[in-house]
Amino acid sequence: MAKDNTKDQARKYRLAVTDALSHERLWSTVFTRPAFITALVSGAVVLLLLLFLLIAFTPLRTFIPGYPDARARRQAVQNAMRIDSLETRILQWELYTENLKKVVTGEEPLLLDSLILLQSSSRHEVDAAYLARRDSLLRAQVAEAEQFDVSGPRRELPIEARAFYTPVKGVVTEGYDRSLHPYLDITAPSGTAVMAVLDGTVVFSGWDEVDGYTLAVQHRGDILSVYKHNEKLLKKAGDTVKAGTAVALTGSSGSLTKGDHLRFELWYEGEAVDPSAYISF
């Protein structure tokens, strides 16, 4: 039996193309059974590879049901931001309800710090000790920034009389809330230039695990502007910047982010204020 299989594998076959009228041979080839199977498998692999490349690197992939196109991805980012806003609002009402219960029962209400409210994609309980520690670190950072003493004399114009430069052109997806959201979130495509809002000196330029690439600029009149979740920082600590100068590029760095945007903070006399009250976005 083994001998018959060997003969069958060594047997050669001829495939020929001939003219139907003259019987002239136009083309012919000789092959064995293993060679035919190898050629058939190789052709199938090459065909599948070409089909994969055609779908993966051409617009044809958008016709596959369920494949996300650019519009679907953009909608997903917008939905994630809306969910983030809803989570913040729900937490705000929960804290308000808790405070209301304490007031009705005669207990001391909760003291909400206006500097921090950490969120994540899934709901977690707010750890009071962790929030207090983050608050202390931020206050220490602001105090350290003030040692540069670039705020100038107190006879400077008040913040209301300042002409601020818009930090980035985009859409404000979440506004300022003194207790729960003391900053603005502004969506913009990744790599958009972030501008300094006033003349000043960079007092911090570095990485933070939560806020990503962060940059802070001290201005005259005891004003501090902070730019978070950047993709890249263009200035370093100690650099002097002019209003409208690019200081960073937008991105989505850090763990507390859900898409490309700028988290912008404005501080006046050591307190976070509403940027939209002084800047047109």
Protein backbone atom coordinates (compact mmCIF):
# COMPACT_ATOMS: atom_id res chain seq x y z
CA MET A 1 0.00 0.00 0.00
CA ALA A 2 2.87 2.38 0.85
CA LYS A 3 4.42 1.66 -2.51
CA ASP A 4 1.20 2.57 -4.33
CA ASN A 5 0.98 5.93 -2.43
CA THR A 6 4.56 6.73 -3.41
CA LYS A 7 3.83 6.07 -7.05
CA ASP A 8 0.64 8.17 -6.86
CA GLN A 9 2.53 11.13 -5.39
CA ALA A 10 5.31 10.85 -8.01
CA ARG A 11 2.82 10.63 -10.86
CA LYS A 12 2.86 13.74 -13.05
CA TYR A 13 -0.13 15.48 -14.60
CA ARG A 14 -0.33 17.81 -17.54
CA LEU A 15 -2.69 20.76 -17.88
CA ALA A 16 -2.90 22.05 -21.44
CA VAL A 17 -4.86 24.65 -23.41
CA THR A 18 -5.43 23.79 -27.08
CA ASP A 19 -7.21 25.38 -30.00
CA ALA A 20 -10.61 23.72 -30.54
CA LEU A 21 -10.32 23.79 -34.33
CA SER A 22 -6.65 23.19 -35.13
CA HIS A 23 -5.84 21.27 -31.94
CA GLU A 24 -2.72 23.42 -31.65
CA ARG A 25 -1.32 23.46 -28.11
CA LEU A 26 -1.36 27.05 -26.84
CA TRP A 27 -0.13 26.48 -23.30
CA SER A 28 0.68 23.57 -21.05
CA THR A 29 2.18 22.83 -17.67
CA VAL A 30 3.24 19.71 -15.81
CA PHE A 31 2.63 19.25 -12.10
CA THR A 32 2.37 16.66 -9.37
CA ARG A 33 -0.37 16.29 -6.79
CA PRO A 34 1.69 17.82 -3.89
CA ALA A 35 2.69 20.75 -6.09
CA PHE A 36 -0.95 21.37 -7.05
CA ILE A 37 -2.10 21.34 -3.40
CA THR A 38 0.76 23.69 -2.40
CA ALA A 39 -0.11 26.13 -5.19
CA LEU A 40 -3.80 26.02 -4.27
CA VAL A 41 -3.10 26.77 -0.58
CA SER A 42 -0.61 29.53 -1.42
CA GLY A 43 -3.10 31.18 -3.76
CA ALA A 44 -5.79 31.10 -1.09
CA VAL A 45 -3.43 32.68 1.47
CA VAL A 46 -2.38 35.42 -0.95
CA LEU A 47 -6.03 36.13 -1.82
CA LEU A 48 -7.00 36.41 1.86
CA LEU A 49 -4.01 38.69 2.54
CA LEU A 50 -4.94 40.99 -0.35
CA LEU A 51 -8.54 41.08 0.85
CA PHE A 52 -7.40 41.99 4.38
CA LEU A 53 -5.14 44.80 3.13
CA LEU A 54 -7.92 46.12 0.91
CA ILE A 55 -10.33 46.32 3.84
CA ALA A 56 -7.86 47.52 6.47
CA PHE A 57 -6.23 50.36 4.52
CA THR A 58 -9.01 51.64 2.25
CA PRO A 59 -12.36 53.35 2.90
CA LEU A 60 -14.08 50.05 2.13
CA ARG A 61 -13.83 49.15 5.82
CA THR A 62 -16.52 51.74 6.60
CA PHE A 63 -19.05 49.59 4.71
CA ILE A 64 -18.60 46.71 7.15
CA PRO A 65 -21.63 46.63 9.51
CA GLY A 66 -20.59 47.66 13.01
CA TYR A 67 -17.23 49.16 12.02
CA PRO A 68 -16.85 52.62 13.67
CA ASP A 69 -16.12 55.47 11.27
CA ALA A 70 -14.78 58.94 12.21
CA ARG A 71 -18.28 60.24 12.84
CA ALA A 72 -19.10 57.34 15.16
CA ARG A 73 -15.88 57.83 17.11
CA ARG A 74 -16.56 61.55 17.47
CA GLN A 75 -20.07 60.79 18.69
CA ALA A 76 -18.66 58.29 21.20
CA VAL A 77 -16.32 60.95 22.62
CA GLN A 78 -19.18 63.44 22.91
CA ASN A 79 -21.36 60.84 24.63
CA ALA A 80 -18.57 60.06 27.09
CA MET A 81 -18.29 63.76 27.95
CA ARG A 82 -22.05 64.01 28.43
CA ILE A 83 -21.93 60.98 30.75
CA ASP A 84 -19.12 62.65 32.69
CA SER A 85 -21.25 65.78 33.09
CA LEU A 86 -24.26 63.73 34.19
CA GLU A 87 -22.18 61.84 36.75
CA THR A 88 -20.94 65.13 38.15
CA ARG A 89 -24.48 66.50 38.35
CA ILE A 90 -25.78 63.33 40.05
CA LEU A 91 -22.99 63.46 42.61
CA GLN A 92 -23.75 67.13 43.22
CA TRP A 93 -27.40 66.32 43.96
CA GLU A 94 -26.40 63.41 46.19
CA LEU A 95 -24.15 65.69 48.23
CA TYR A 96 -26.87 68.34 48.35
CA THR A 97 -29.39 65.77 49.59
CA GLU A 98 -26.97 64.52 52.23
CA ASN A 99 -26.37 68.05 53.45
CA LEU A 100 -30.12 68.72 53.52
CA LYS A 101 -30.67 65.64 55.67
CA LYS A 102 -27.96 66.76 58.09
CA VAL A 103 -29.46 70.25 58.35
CA VAL A 104 -32.96 68.86 59.03
CA THR A 105 -31.67 66.52 61.74
CA GLY A 106 -29.58 69.27 63.33
CA GLU A 107 -26.19 67.81 62.38
CA GLU A 108 -23.23 69.71 60.99
CA PRO A 109 -23.39 69.93 57.16
CA LEU A 110 -20.60 68.59 55.01
CA LEU A 111 -17.89 71.09 54.08
CA LEU A 112 -17.19 70.69 50.38
CA ASP A 113 -13.77 71.80 49.28
CA SER A 114 -13.92 73.93 46.13
CA LEU A 115 -10.57 72.87 44.76
CA ILE A 116 -10.97 69.16 43.98
CA LEU A 117 -13.47 66.57 42.87
CA LEU A 118 -11.88 63.48 41.40
CA GLN A 119 -13.95 61.32 39.11
CA SER A 120 -13.29 58.24 37.04
CA SER A 121 -15.11 56.44 34.25
CA SER A 122 -16.83 54.27 36.86
CA ARG A 123 -18.42 55.68 39.99
CA HIS A 124 -16.23 55.52 43.11
CA GLU A 125 -16.89 56.84 46.58
CA VAL A 126 -15.08 60.10 47.30
CA ASP A 127 -12.35 59.42 49.83
CA ALA A 128 -12.31 62.42 52.18
CA ALA A 129 -8.72 61.80 53.30
CA TYR A 130 -7.53 61.57 49.71
CA LEU A 131 -9.37 64.75 48.74
CA ALA A 132 -7.89 66.59 51.71
CA ARG A 133 -4.40 65.44 50.74
CA ARG A 134 -4.91 66.58 47.13
CA ASP A 135 -6.21 69.90 48.40
CA SER A 136 -3.14 70.42 50.55
CA LEU A 137 -0.80 69.58 47.67
CA LEU A 138 -2.57 72.03 45.36
CA ARG A 139 -2.49 74.81 47.93
CA ALA A 140 1.23 74.16 48.48
CA GLN A 141 1.77 74.32 44.71
CA VAL A 142 -0.03 77.67 44.49
CA ALA A 143 1.95 79.01 47.44
CA GLU A 144 5.20 77.88 45.82
CA ALA A 145 4.20 79.58 42.57
CA GLU A 146 3.69 82.87 44.38
CA GLN A 147 7.32 82.93 45.50
CA PHE A 148 8.29 84.10 42.00
CA ASP A 149 6.74 87.43 42.99
CA VAL A 150 5.76 88.46 39.49
CA SER A 151 2.34 89.72 40.54
CA GLY A 152 3.66 93.28 40.87
CA PRO A 153 2.36 96.03 43.14
CA ARG A 154 -1.21 95.97 44.43
CA ARG A 155 -2.07 99.08 42.44
CA GLU A 156 -2.40 96.84 39.35
CA LEU A 157 -5.76 96.81 37.57
CA PRO A 158 -8.35 94.45 39.11
CA ILE A 159 -9.17 91.20 37.33
CA GLU A 160 -12.40 92.69 35.96
CA ALA A 161 -10.43 95.29 34.01
CA ARG A 162 -8.03 92.79 32.42
CA ALA A 163 -8.16 91.90 28.73
CA PHE A 164 -7.68 88.13 28.63
CA TYR A 165 -6.66 86.12 25.58
CA THR A 166 -8.79 83.03 24.86
CA PRO A 167 -6.63 79.99 25.80
CA VAL A 168 -8.03 77.70 23.10
CA LYS A 169 -10.77 77.84 20.50
CA GLY A 170 -13.23 75.03 21.22
CA VAL A 171 -16.51 74.07 22.86
CA VAL A 172 -17.02 74.37 26.62
CA THR A 173 -18.42 70.94 27.51
CA GLU A 174 -18.61 71.52 31.25
CA GLY A 175 -18.83 74.88 32.96
CA TYR A 176 -17.57 76.25 36.24
CA ASP A 177 -19.03 75.18 39.57
CA ARG A 178 -17.49 76.65 42.70
CA SER A 179 -18.06 73.52 44.79
CA LEU A 180 -17.81 70.62 42.37
CA HIS A 181 -16.09 71.80 39.19
CA PRO A 182 -13.93 74.91 39.80
CA TYR A 183 -12.61 75.02 36.22
CA LEU A 184 -13.70 74.75 32.60
CA ASP A 185 -13.41 71.78 30.23
CA ILE A 186 -12.93 72.89 26.62
CA THR A 187 -12.88 70.32 23.81
CA ALA A 188 -10.46 70.83 20.93
CA PRO A 189 -8.72 68.49 18.48
CA SER A 190 -5.48 66.94 19.70
CA GLY A 191 -2.50 69.16 18.93
CA THR A 192 -4.42 72.46 19.05
CA ALA A 193 -2.24 75.31 20.34
CA VAL A 194 -2.99 76.45 23.92
CA MET A 195 -2.34 80.18 24.42
CA ALA A 196 -1.31 82.12 27.52
CA VAL A 197 -4.23 84.31 28.62
CA LEU A 198 -1.98 87.15 29.91
CA ASP A 199 1.66 88.14 30.06
CA GLY A 200 3.39 86.24 32.82
CA THR A 201 5.99 83.75 34.00
CA VAL A 202 5.72 79.96 33.89
CA VAL A 203 5.87 78.73 37.47
CA PHE A 204 5.14 75.05 36.85
CA SER A 205 5.64 72.83 33.83
CA GLY A 206 5.56 69.08 34.29
CA TRP A 207 3.67 65.82 34.59
CA ASP A 208 0.93 64.89 37.02
CA GLU A 209 -0.52 61.36 37.18
CA VAL A 210 -4.11 62.63 37.39
CA ASP A 211 -3.96 65.86 35.34
CA GLY A 212 -1.31 64.78 32.81
CA TYR A 213 0.99 67.42 31.32
CA THR A 214 0.21 70.56 33.32
CA LEU A 215 1.46 74.13 32.98
CA ALA A 216 0.81 77.10 35.30
CA VAL A 217 1.54 80.76 34.56
CA GLN A 218 1.75 83.50 37.22
CA HIS A 219 0.50 86.91 36.02
CA ARG A 220 0.64 90.38 37.48
CA GLY A 221 -2.18 91.34 39.81
CA ASP A 222 -2.06 88.04 41.75
CA ILE A 223 -3.60 86.07 38.86
CA LEU A 224 -2.64 82.46 38.11
CA SER A 225 -3.75 80.45 35.06
CA VAL A 226 -3.45 76.64 34.90
CA TYR A 227 -3.62 74.44 31.77
CA LYS A 228 -4.11 70.66 32.22
CA HIS A 229 -4.38 67.39 30.22
CA ASN A 230 -2.05 68.67 27.48
CA GLU A 231 -0.37 66.44 24.93
CA LYS A 232 2.86 68.46 24.96
CA LEU A 233 4.28 71.40 26.91
CA LEU A 234 6.08 74.11 24.94
CA LYS A 235 7.42 76.12 27.87
CA LYS A 236 9.39 75.28 31.01
CA ALA A 237 9.37 76.77 34.51
CA GLY A 238 10.94 80.22 34.59
CA ASP A 239 10.08 81.12 30.98
CA THR A 240 8.45 84.51 30.35
CA VAL A 241 5.43 84.41 28.05
CA LYS A 242 3.28 87.01 26.32
CA ALA A 243 -0.50 86.94 26.01
CA GLY A 244 -1.45 84.81 23.00
CA THR A 245 1.82 82.88 23.02
CA ALA A 246 1.48 79.11 22.54
CA VAL A 247 2.47 77.37 25.76
CA ALA A 248 1.18 73.82 25.13
CA LEU A 249 -0.72 71.53 22.76
CA THR A 250 -4.08 70.00 23.68
CA GLY A 251 -4.41 66.27 24.28
CA SER A 252 -5.87 63.77 26.73
CA SER A 253 -2.98 62.98 29.07
CA GLY A 254 -3.51 61.92 32.65
CA SER A 255 -5.91 59.43 34.23
CA LEU A 256 -8.75 61.94 34.82
CA THR A 257 -9.74 62.53 31.20
CA LYS A 258 -12.22 61.21 28.64
CA GLY A 259 -10.96 62.68 25.38
CA ASP A 260 -8.98 65.50 23.83
CA HIS A 261 -9.69 68.70 25.75
CA LEU A 262 -8.15 71.46 27.87
CA ARG A 263 -8.93 71.79 31.55
CA PHE A 264 -8.47 75.49 32.28
CA GLU A 265 -8.29 77.01 35.75
CA LEU A 266 -8.11 80.70 36.68
CA TRP A 267 -7.02 81.77 40.17
CA TYR A 268 -7.30 85.24 41.67
CA GLU A 269 -5.85 86.15 45.06
CA GLY A 270 -5.49 82.47 45.96
CA GLU A 271 -9.06 81.45 45.03
CA ALA A 272 -10.38 79.68 41.93
CA VAL A 273 -12.73 81.93 39.92
CA ASP A 274 -15.03 81.39 36.95
CA PRO A 275 -12.94 81.93 33.77
CA SER A 276 -16.07 82.50 31.64
CA ALA A 277 -16.80 85.65 33.66
CA TYR A 278 -13.67 87.30 32.24
CA ILE A 279 -12.88 85.40 29.02
CA SER A 280 -15.04 84.92 25.93
CA PHE A 281 -14.94 81.30 24.73
